[in-house]
Protein backbone atom coordinates (compact mmCIF):
# COMPACT_ATOMS: atom_id res chain seq x y z
CA MET A 1 -107.55 57.80 149.29
CA HIS A 2 -111.15 59.55 150.66
CA PRO A 3 -112.99 62.05 148.37
CA LYS A 4 -112.68 64.52 150.67
CA MET A 5 -109.27 64.35 150.68
CA LEU A 6 -108.29 64.06 146.80
CA TRP A 7 -111.02 67.35 146.71
CA LEU A 8 -108.57 69.01 149.50
CA SER A 9 -105.52 67.94 147.11
CA PHE A 10 -107.19 69.68 144.13
CA ARG A 11 -108.67 72.73 145.62
CA PRO A 12 -105.23 74.60 146.19
CA PHE A 13 -103.69 72.84 142.77
CA LEU A 14 -106.86 74.47 141.04
CA ILE A 15 -106.67 78.06 142.34
CA VAL A 16 -102.17 78.25 142.40
CA SER A 17 -102.85 76.89 138.69
CA ILE A 18 -104.83 79.42 137.46
CA PHE A 19 -102.91 81.69 139.33
CA TRP A 20 -100.01 80.92 137.90
CA GLY A 21 -101.32 79.96 134.24
CA VAL A 22 -102.71 83.83 134.36
CA VAL A 23 -98.86 85.07 135.62
CA ILE A 24 -97.18 83.21 132.96
CA TRP A 25 -99.31 83.81 130.31
CA LEU A 26 -98.65 87.64 131.16
CA ILE A 27 -94.29 87.12 131.51
CA TRP A 28 -93.95 84.48 129.18
CA SER A 29 -92.94 86.77 126.37
CA PRO A 30 -90.88 89.78 128.02
CA ALA A 31 -89.34 87.40 130.61
CA LEU A 32 -87.92 85.12 127.47
CA GLU A 33 -86.42 88.07 125.96
CA MET A 34 -84.71 89.34 129.38
CA LEU A 35 -83.85 86.11 130.08
CA ARG A 36 -82.23 85.58 126.66
CA THR A 37 -80.58 89.09 126.54
CA PHE A 38 -79.24 87.95 129.69
CA LEU A 39 -77.53 84.69 128.68
CA THR A 40 -76.06 86.16 125.72
CA ALA A 41 -74.35 89.31 127.17
CA SER A 42 -73.96 87.66 130.74
CA ILE A 43 -70.18 86.85 130.98
CA PHE A 44 -71.23 84.44 134.21
CA THR A 45 -73.67 82.91 131.58
CA SER A 46 -72.41 82.84 128.08
CA TRP A 47 -70.01 80.46 128.23
CA ILE A 48 -73.45 78.13 128.64
CA GLN A 49 -74.88 78.95 125.13
CA SER A 50 -70.84 78.61 123.56
CA GLY A 51 -70.15 75.69 125.71
CA LEU A 52 -73.34 73.33 123.96
CA GLU A 53 -72.88 74.95 120.87
CA TYR A 54 -69.06 73.25 121.23
CA VAL A 55 -70.33 70.24 122.08
CA GLY A 56 -72.76 69.79 119.21
CA PHE A 57 -76.25 71.75 119.79
CA ASP A 58 -76.06 74.03 117.43
CA GLU A 59 -79.94 75.54 118.41
CA ALA A 60 -79.11 75.63 121.67
CA ARG A 61 -79.43 79.32 121.54
CA ALA A 62 -83.79 78.36 120.30
CA TRP A 63 -84.54 76.53 123.44
CA ILE A 64 -81.79 77.56 126.19
CA ALA A 65 -84.09 80.41 127.08
CA PRO A 66 -87.05 78.28 127.59
CA LEU A 67 -85.52 76.17 129.69
CA PHE A 68 -84.40 78.26 132.11
CA LEU A 69 -86.97 79.99 132.73
CA VAL A 70 -88.86 76.89 133.18
CA ILE A 71 -85.87 76.10 135.65
CA LEU A 72 -86.11 79.22 137.67
CA LEU A 73 -90.16 78.84 137.32
CA ILE A 74 -89.91 75.44 139.06
CA PRO A 75 -89.06 76.14 142.64
CA ILE A 76 -91.06 79.68 142.85
CA ILE A 77 -94.23 77.37 141.93
CA ALA A 78 -93.87 74.16 143.94
CA ILE A 79 -93.00 76.70 146.76
CA SER A 80 -95.89 78.86 146.20
CA LEU A 81 -98.18 75.40 146.36
CA LEU A 82 -96.53 73.99 149.78
CA VAL A 83 -97.48 77.66 151.70
CA PHE A 84 -101.37 78.01 150.05
CA ILE A 85 -101.76 73.91 150.91
CA ALA A 86 -100.16 74.71 154.27
CA PHE A 87 -102.87 78.05 155.08
CA SER A 88 -106.22 75.97 153.47
CA THR A 89 -105.85 72.79 153.42
CA VAL A 90 -103.83 71.42 156.51
CA PRO A 91 -106.38 72.42 159.12
CA ALA A 92 -109.10 70.57 157.55
CA VAL A 93 -106.81 67.89 156.58
CA VAL A 94 -105.81 68.12 160.45
CA ASP A 95 -109.56 68.40 161.30
CA SER A 96 -110.52 65.33 159.63
CA VAL A 97 -107.49 63.07 161.40
CA VAL A 98 -108.27 64.23 165.06
CA LYS A 99 -111.60 62.80 164.31
CA GLN A 100 -110.72 59.23 164.04
CA LYS A 101 -111.20 57.11 167.79
CA ALA A 102 -107.41 57.32 167.81
CA TYR A 103 -107.33 60.73 168.70
CA GLU A 104 -110.46 61.24 170.51
CA GLY A 105 -108.41 62.32 173.08
CA LEU A 106 -105.84 65.75 171.94
CA VAL A 107 -106.96 68.71 173.18
CA ARG A 108 -107.21 72.25 171.76
CA ILE A 109 -104.93 74.19 173.08
CA LYS A 110 -104.73 77.13 170.88
CA GLY A 111 -100.32 77.04 170.80
CA GLY A 112 -99.79 79.02 167.99
CA SER A 113 -101.74 81.70 165.45
CA PHE A 114 -102.79 82.13 162.37
CA VAL A 115 -100.18 85.44 162.95
CA GLY A 116 -97.65 83.61 163.62
CA SER A 117 -98.52 80.56 161.26
CA PHE A 118 -98.15 83.11 158.80
CA PHE A 119 -94.87 84.78 159.43
CA TYR A 120 -93.35 81.14 160.07
CA THR A 121 -95.04 79.62 156.33
CA LEU A 122 -93.21 83.04 154.60
CA TRP A 123 -89.80 83.04 156.92
CA SER A 124 -89.76 78.82 156.23
CA ALA A 125 -90.19 79.37 152.02
CA LEU A 126 -88.17 82.55 151.71
CA ILE A 127 -85.48 80.58 153.60
CA CYS A 128 -86.04 77.74 151.46
CA LEU A 129 -86.25 80.27 148.15
CA ALA A 130 -83.22 81.38 149.01
CA LEU A 131 -81.40 77.89 149.28
CA VAL A 132 -83.14 77.12 145.88
CA MET A 133 -81.70 80.63 144.65
CA LEU A 134 -78.28 79.55 145.76
CA THR A 135 -77.58 75.92 144.58
CA LEU A 136 -79.90 75.77 140.89
CA PRO A 137 -76.41 75.97 138.95
CA VAL A 138 -75.47 72.63 140.74
CA TRP A 139 -78.55 71.22 140.40
CA TRP A 140 -77.59 69.87 136.93
CA ILE A 141 -74.76 67.83 138.22
CA PRO A 142 -74.92 64.34 139.04
CA PRO A 143 -75.76 63.10 141.57
CA LEU A 144 -76.89 66.51 142.81
CA PHE A 145 -79.85 66.78 141.12
CA ALA A 146 -81.08 63.69 142.96
CA ILE A 147 -80.24 64.73 146.12
CA LEU A 148 -80.57 69.00 147.00
CA PRO A 149 -84.31 68.65 145.28
CA PRO A 150 -85.33 66.57 147.65
CA LEU A 151 -83.45 67.84 150.61
CA LEU A 152 -85.10 71.32 150.16
CA TRP A 153 -88.62 69.97 149.54
CA GLY A 154 -88.02 67.75 152.57
CA TRP A 155 -86.93 70.13 154.96
CA LEU A 156 -89.66 72.91 154.09
CA THR A 157 -92.07 69.99 154.33
CA MET A 158 -90.59 69.61 157.89
CA ARG A 159 -91.27 72.71 158.62
CA LEU A 160 -94.66 73.25 157.19
CA MET A 161 -95.69 70.41 158.80
CA ALA A 162 -94.06 71.27 162.55
CA TYR A 163 -95.64 74.47 162.78
CA ASP A 164 -99.36 73.92 160.88
CA VAL A 165 -99.83 70.23 161.85
CA LEU A 166 -99.52 70.89 165.49
CA LEU A 167 -100.77 74.71 165.70
CA ASP A 168 -104.09 73.81 167.67
CA HIS A 169 -103.08 70.69 169.70
CA ALA A 170 -99.64 71.95 171.24
CA THR A 171 -98.14 74.39 173.24
CA PRO A 172 -95.15 76.71 171.60
CA GLU A 173 -92.95 74.26 174.27
CA GLU A 174 -94.47 70.97 173.44
CA ARG A 175 -93.81 72.04 169.73
CA ASN A 176 -90.44 72.26 169.71
CA GLN A 177 -89.99 69.74 172.25
CA LEU A 178 -91.58 67.32 169.59
CA LEU A 179 -89.39 68.91 167.27
CA GLU A 180 -86.31 68.22 168.89
CA GLU A 181 -87.29 64.46 169.53
CA HIS A 182 -88.61 64.15 165.86
CA ARG A 183 -86.85 66.44 164.10
CA TRP A 184 -85.22 63.10 161.52
CA THR A 185 -88.11 61.49 161.28
CA LEU A 186 -89.63 64.52 160.29
CA LEU A 187 -87.16 65.21 158.22
CA GLY A 188 -87.35 61.90 156.88
CA MET A 189 -90.80 61.97 155.75
CA GLY A 190 -90.26 65.36 154.76
CA VAL A 191 -87.65 64.12 152.38
CA VAL A 192 -89.62 60.88 150.95
CA ALA A 193 -92.34 63.03 149.40
CA GLY A 194 -89.74 65.68 148.19
CA MET A 195 -88.08 62.09 146.10
CA ILE A 196 -91.38 61.01 145.07
CA GLY A 197 -92.57 64.67 144.57
CA ALA A 198 -88.67 65.18 142.54
CA VAL A 199 -90.15 62.40 139.51
CA PRO A 200 -92.15 64.75 138.13
CA THR A 201 -90.30 67.70 138.07
CA PHE A 202 -87.05 65.54 136.71
CA PHE A 203 -89.62 64.96 133.83
CA TRP A 204 -90.83 68.86 134.00
CA ALA A 205 -87.46 70.68 134.15
CA THR A 206 -85.57 67.86 131.34
CA SER A 207 -87.70 67.26 128.93
CA VAL A 208 -87.70 69.56 125.72
CA LEU A 209 -91.75 68.54 125.26
CA ALA A 210 -92.05 69.85 128.91
CA LEU A 211 -91.16 73.60 127.08
CA VAL A 212 -93.86 72.81 124.46
CA LEU A 213 -96.45 71.98 126.84
CA PHE A 214 -95.09 73.58 129.75
CA PRO A 215 -98.91 74.85 130.74
CA PHE A 216 -100.61 71.37 130.89
CA VAL A 217 -97.42 69.46 132.46
CA SER A 218 -96.96 71.81 135.08
CA PHE A 219 -100.38 71.52 136.10
CA VAL A 220 -100.28 67.88 136.68
CA ALA A 221 -96.82 68.46 138.41
CA LEU A 222 -98.47 70.83 140.66
CA TRP A 223 -101.51 68.48 141.93
CA ILE A 224 -98.85 65.50 142.25
CA TYR A 225 -96.88 67.72 144.37
CA SER A 226 -100.49 68.63 146.86
CA LEU A 227 -101.35 65.15 146.69
CA ILE A 228 -97.66 63.89 147.98
CA PHE A 229 -97.66 66.79 150.54
CA ILE A 230 -101.47 66.01 151.88
CA PHE A 231 -100.54 62.15 152.42
CA SER A 232 -96.87 62.98 153.94
């Protein structure tokens, strides 16, 4: 990959990592305490700890809350990274690509706007986040943990690519036509990117070591997400 592309992937990773590093440092202890109380007191979740202790995980109370907090933070951090890349990096990537000979005939017609991109991206991210939260309880069920995350990241990737990549070079009508004609191809690209991105996520969400090294593991995973999204 070109050094410029590596920098374009590293820049959003760096900014988002610093932001979430500060947020996690500020909220970790109070959020952990609230989650422990919720998991213990709620009739909807108290069975989780009881079930784990019943099957032999006697120390479940010590690590179940940190594990749940990590699992809750994963999609929020990943979605925020994708949204930030869509705004800060995709335009620069598109500018770099259209300078190639194969695309020298493309005309900038400004078929979209920054405001339109903002609301489109925000709406897509909110829908994806809602779907993540609704489906999160079944992510633990095989084989759904290997199917749902790639599908959700794939759908969001398709949505972000569809608007921001075509922002300067397609009219709204042309963009809708391209989406209609290539919907499954774009979704396939997004799902493949999501499946590749699910590899660090799987380690991130299921390894006990990730609880201890969460800030470092999350930062590495964020950069991998950046590279995958920009490549796709």
